[in-house]
Amino acid sequence: APASIAGTRGKPKLTEAPLLTRPAGGSIVAAWFSPDACLMDDNRIDALHGKVDDLIDLCGKLRQENQRLKDNDQNLRSERRQLLEKNREAKQRLQSILMRLKAMENP
């Protein structure tokens, strides 16, 4: 009997039908094939859609967070460069002050 289609909530559903196959170099073999074994029910499909939507949302949030972290990293690196430069300048001034103090001790 050929496969028939029965409506289920507006969606077509295949019923059991024999599947004709021909193994390489062999004869045609009839086997019973149940499309329901391969098809997911509506609840599982809806759940899968929900999970995919959740993953898409999570991906968007992670991209935003990643961009914020990259921006923050760039700001911190810039601040670090500025602080290192200020530290270098402070060391030079301190060395200059120490040299003047030593010069004042040894007239």
Protein backbone atom coordinates (compact mmCIF):
# COMPACT_ATOMS: atom_id res chain seq x y z
CA ALA A 1 0.00 0.00 0.00
CA PRO A 2 1.39 3.42 -0.90
CA ALA A 3 2.03 5.99 1.78
CA SER A 4 -1.00 8.08 2.64
CA ILE A 5 -1.21 11.49 4.22
CA ALA A 6 -3.52 12.15 7.16
CA GLY A 7 -3.95 15.70 8.49
CA THR A 8 -2.81 16.37 12.05
CA ARG A 9 -3.43 19.89 13.30
CA GLY A 10 -3.14 21.18 9.77
CA LYS A 11 0.16 19.39 9.15
CA PRO A 12 0.36 16.33 6.89
CA LYS A 13 1.44 13.07 8.52
CA LEU A 14 2.57 9.96 6.71
CA THR A 15 1.20 6.59 7.74
CA GLU A 16 3.06 3.29 7.60
CA ALA A 17 3.89 2.04 4.13
CA PRO A 18 6.20 -0.56 2.62
CA LEU A 19 9.54 0.80 1.51
CA LEU A 20 11.03 -0.77 -1.59
CA THR A 21 14.82 -0.88 -1.63
CA ARG A 22 17.38 -2.48 -3.88
CA PRO A 23 20.67 -3.40 -2.25
CA ALA A 24 23.69 -3.02 -4.53
CA GLY A 25 23.49 -5.79 -7.11
CA GLY A 26 20.51 -7.45 -5.41
CA SER A 27 16.78 -7.81 -5.82
CA ILE A 28 14.13 -5.34 -4.76
CA VAL A 29 13.31 -5.88 -1.09
CA ALA A 30 10.11 -4.70 0.57
CA ALA A 31 10.44 -3.54 4.15
CA TRP A 32 7.98 -1.79 6.40
CA PHE A 33 8.86 1.81 6.98
CA SER A 34 7.24 3.96 9.61
CA PRO A 35 7.76 7.66 8.83
CA ASP A 36 6.73 8.38 12.44
CA ALA A 37 9.98 6.78 13.54
CA CYS A 38 11.87 9.48 11.62
CA LEU A 39 9.59 12.43 12.24
CA MET A 40 9.49 14.32 15.51
CA ASP A 41 6.16 15.12 17.05
CA ASP A 42 4.98 18.74 17.24
CA ASN A 43 5.89 19.09 20.91
CA ARG A 44 9.49 18.03 20.32
CA ILE A 45 9.74 20.29 17.28
CA ASP A 46 8.35 23.24 19.27
CA ALA A 47 10.80 22.47 22.09
CA LEU A 48 13.66 22.33 19.59
CA HIS A 49 12.57 25.65 18.07
CA GLY A 50 12.52 27.14 21.56
CA LYS A 51 16.02 25.87 22.28
CA VAL A 52 17.32 27.22 18.97
CA ASP A 53 15.72 30.60 19.73
CA ASP A 54 17.33 30.54 23.20
CA LEU A 55 20.71 29.77 21.63
CA ILE A 56 20.31 32.63 19.15
CA ASP A 57 19.48 35.00 22.02
CA LEU A 58 22.42 33.73 24.06
CA CYS A 59 24.73 34.15 21.08
CA GLY A 60 23.63 37.78 20.71
CA LYS A 61 24.15 38.44 24.42
CA LEU A 62 27.58 36.80 24.34
CA ARG A 63 28.58 38.91 21.33
CA GLN A 64 27.53 42.07 23.18
CA GLU A 65 29.37 41.00 26.32
CA ASN A 66 32.44 40.11 24.28
CA GLN A 67 32.41 43.56 22.66
CA ARG A 68 32.04 45.24 26.08
CA LEU A 69 34.96 43.18 27.39
CA LYS A 70 37.10 44.10 24.37
CA ASP A 71 36.26 47.78 24.86
CA ASN A 72 37.03 47.52 28.58
CA ASP A 73 40.32 45.76 27.81
CA GLN A 74 41.28 48.52 25.39
CA ASN A 75 40.44 51.20 27.96
CA LEU A 76 42.44 49.43 30.67
CA ARG A 77 45.43 49.04 28.35
CA SER A 78 45.29 52.74 27.52
CA GLU A 79 45.02 53.66 31.19
CA ARG A 80 47.97 51.36 31.98
CA ARG A 81 50.12 53.08 29.32
CA GLN A 82 49.25 56.47 30.81
CA LEU A 83 50.05 55.30 34.35
CA LEU A 84 53.37 53.79 33.24
CA GLU A 85 54.28 57.09 31.59
CA LYS A 86 53.34 59.05 34.75
CA ASN A 87 55.39 56.59 36.82
CA ARG A 88 58.40 57.07 34.53
CA GLU A 89 58.07 60.87 34.81
CA ALA A 90 57.77 60.66 38.63
CA LYS A 91 60.93 58.51 38.80
CA GLN A 92 62.83 61.06 36.72
CA ARG A 93 61.71 63.93 38.97
CA LEU A 94 62.63 61.94 42.09
CA GLN A 95 66.07 61.16 40.67
CA SER A 96 66.52 64.84 39.87
CA ILE A 97 65.54 65.84 43.42
CA LEU A 98 67.92 63.23 44.91
CA MET A 99 70.78 64.49 42.74
CA ARG A 100 70.13 68.09 43.91
CA LEU A 101 70.02 66.98 47.55
CA LYS A 102 73.36 65.14 47.16
CA ALA A 103 74.84 68.21 45.52
CA MET A 104 73.71 70.35 48.45
CA GLU A 105 75.36 67.94 50.96
CA ASN A 106 78.69 68.07 49.14
CA PRO A 107 79.37 71.74 48.34
